[in-house]
Structure formats: C-alpha cells, structure tokens
Protein backbone atom coordinates (compact mmCIF):
# COMPACT_ATOMS: atom_id res chain seq x y z
CA UNK A 1 105.09 91.39 82.53
CA UNK A 2 104.40 95.05 83.29
CA UNK A 3 101.02 96.08 84.66
CA UNK A 4 99.85 99.55 83.69
CA UNK A 5 97.94 101.27 86.46
CA UNK A 6 94.74 103.03 85.45
CA UNK A 7 93.25 106.25 86.78
CA UNK A 8 90.83 104.12 88.80
CA UNK A 9 93.74 102.16 90.32
CA UNK A 10 95.36 105.42 91.36
CA UNK A 11 92.07 106.77 92.77
CA UNK A 12 91.78 103.66 94.93
CA UNK A 13 95.41 104.02 96.05
CA UNK A 14 94.98 107.73 96.84
CA UNK A 15 91.90 107.03 98.98
CA UNK A 16 93.62 104.20 100.85
CA UNK A 17 96.65 106.40 101.48
CA UNK A 18 94.51 109.30 102.72
CA UNK A 19 92.38 107.06 104.94
CA UNK A 20 95.48 105.37 106.34
CA UNK A 21 97.06 108.74 107.15
CA UNK A 22 93.99 109.82 109.12
CA UNK A 23 93.23 106.56 110.92
CA UNK A 24 96.41 104.48 111.08
CA UNK A 25 94.69 101.52 109.40
CA UNK A 26 93.18 100.89 105.97
CA UNK A 27 89.57 101.34 104.88
CA UNK A 28 87.20 98.46 104.22
CA UNK A 29 86.32 97.51 100.66
CA UNK A 30 82.84 98.97 101.22
CA UNK A 31 84.36 102.31 102.27
CA UNK A 32 86.64 102.33 99.23
CA UNK A 33 83.70 101.44 96.98
CA UNK A 34 81.63 104.35 98.30
CA UNK A 35 84.48 106.88 98.26
CA UNK A 36 85.66 106.12 94.73
CA UNK A 37 82.15 105.66 93.32
CA UNK A 38 82.25 102.03 92.27
CA UNK A 39 79.04 100.01 92.07
CA UNK A 40 80.59 96.79 93.39
CA UNK A 41 83.05 95.71 96.08
CA UNK A 42 84.33 93.16 93.53
CA UNK A 43 85.59 96.09 91.46
CA UNK A 44 87.49 97.36 94.53
CA UNK A 45 88.97 93.90 95.03
CA UNK A 46 90.17 93.88 91.40
CA UNK A 47 91.91 97.27 91.77
CA UNK A 48 93.44 96.36 95.15
CA UNK A 49 94.76 93.10 93.68
CA UNK A 50 96.42 95.05 90.85
CA UNK A 51 97.98 97.51 93.31
CA UNK A 52 99.35 94.62 95.39
CA UNK A 53 100.76 92.94 92.25
CA UNK A 54 102.48 96.18 91.26
CA UNK A 55 103.95 96.65 94.72
CA UNK A 56 101.96 99.76 95.65
CA UNK A 57 100.13 98.02 98.51
CA UNK A 58 100.96 95.22 100.90
CA UNK A 59 98.50 93.24 102.99
CA UNK A 60 98.08 90.16 105.13
CA UNK A 61 96.04 87.46 103.43
CA UNK A 62 92.53 86.82 104.79
CA UNK A 63 92.80 89.60 107.38
CA UNK A 64 90.62 92.73 107.21
CA UNK A 65 92.00 96.28 107.08
CA UNK A 66 95.64 95.34 106.57
CA UNK A 67 96.34 97.24 103.35
CA UNK A 68 99.46 99.35 103.77
CA UNK A 69 100.45 101.94 101.15
CA UNK A 70 104.06 101.06 100.32
CA UNK A 71 104.96 104.57 99.18
CA UNK A 72 103.57 106.13 102.34
CA UNK A 73 105.88 107.05 105.24
CA UNK A 74 104.19 104.90 107.88
CA UNK A 75 105.59 106.70 110.90
CA UNK A 76 103.98 110.04 109.99
CA UNK A 77 100.25 109.37 110.05
CA UNK A 78 97.94 111.85 111.74
CA UNK A 79 95.45 110.46 114.22
CA UNK A 80 91.82 111.46 113.81
CA UNK A 81 90.74 113.69 116.72
CA UNK A 82 88.55 111.88 119.27
CA UNK A 83 85.12 113.26 120.07
C-alpha cells in the first residue's frame, strides 16, 4: 500500500522541519495548527500520522514534542538566540 502525500501533508512537514531546525525540538500540535492554518488539532494529528506512516517523521508514542523529521540532518540545527 502506497500513501500519497498531499500538499497539506508537506506543509505540515515543512513547518515541523523549520521549527525543529530553529529550536532543536518539534512544535506542539497547536503550534502546527496555527502555522499551517488548520481549524482543528485533530487535522494536524491526521497529517502527522500519515507522515509517520510514510517514514517522513519519527516520534515516541505518548510523549510530547518528539517528532523528528527523518530527512533532516539532525546535527545541523540552529539554536534560537536567547533574549
């Protein structure tokens, strides 16, 4: 079974990747919802689940902010300046 990723899936992935690169950890579902323009956090959950199934994201079950973009070079994130 092949899952086709939609433009919305890719928008969610792009935001997670960008947020991860700036902060070193993933955004919350509420932050993703606001950034991508979804009306519901359930919609975010649906897209994240698809990205995990396709191998674009990994995460620890039942732990917050553990989404890791698989295609992102993890050792090269830029820390957000303090202050």
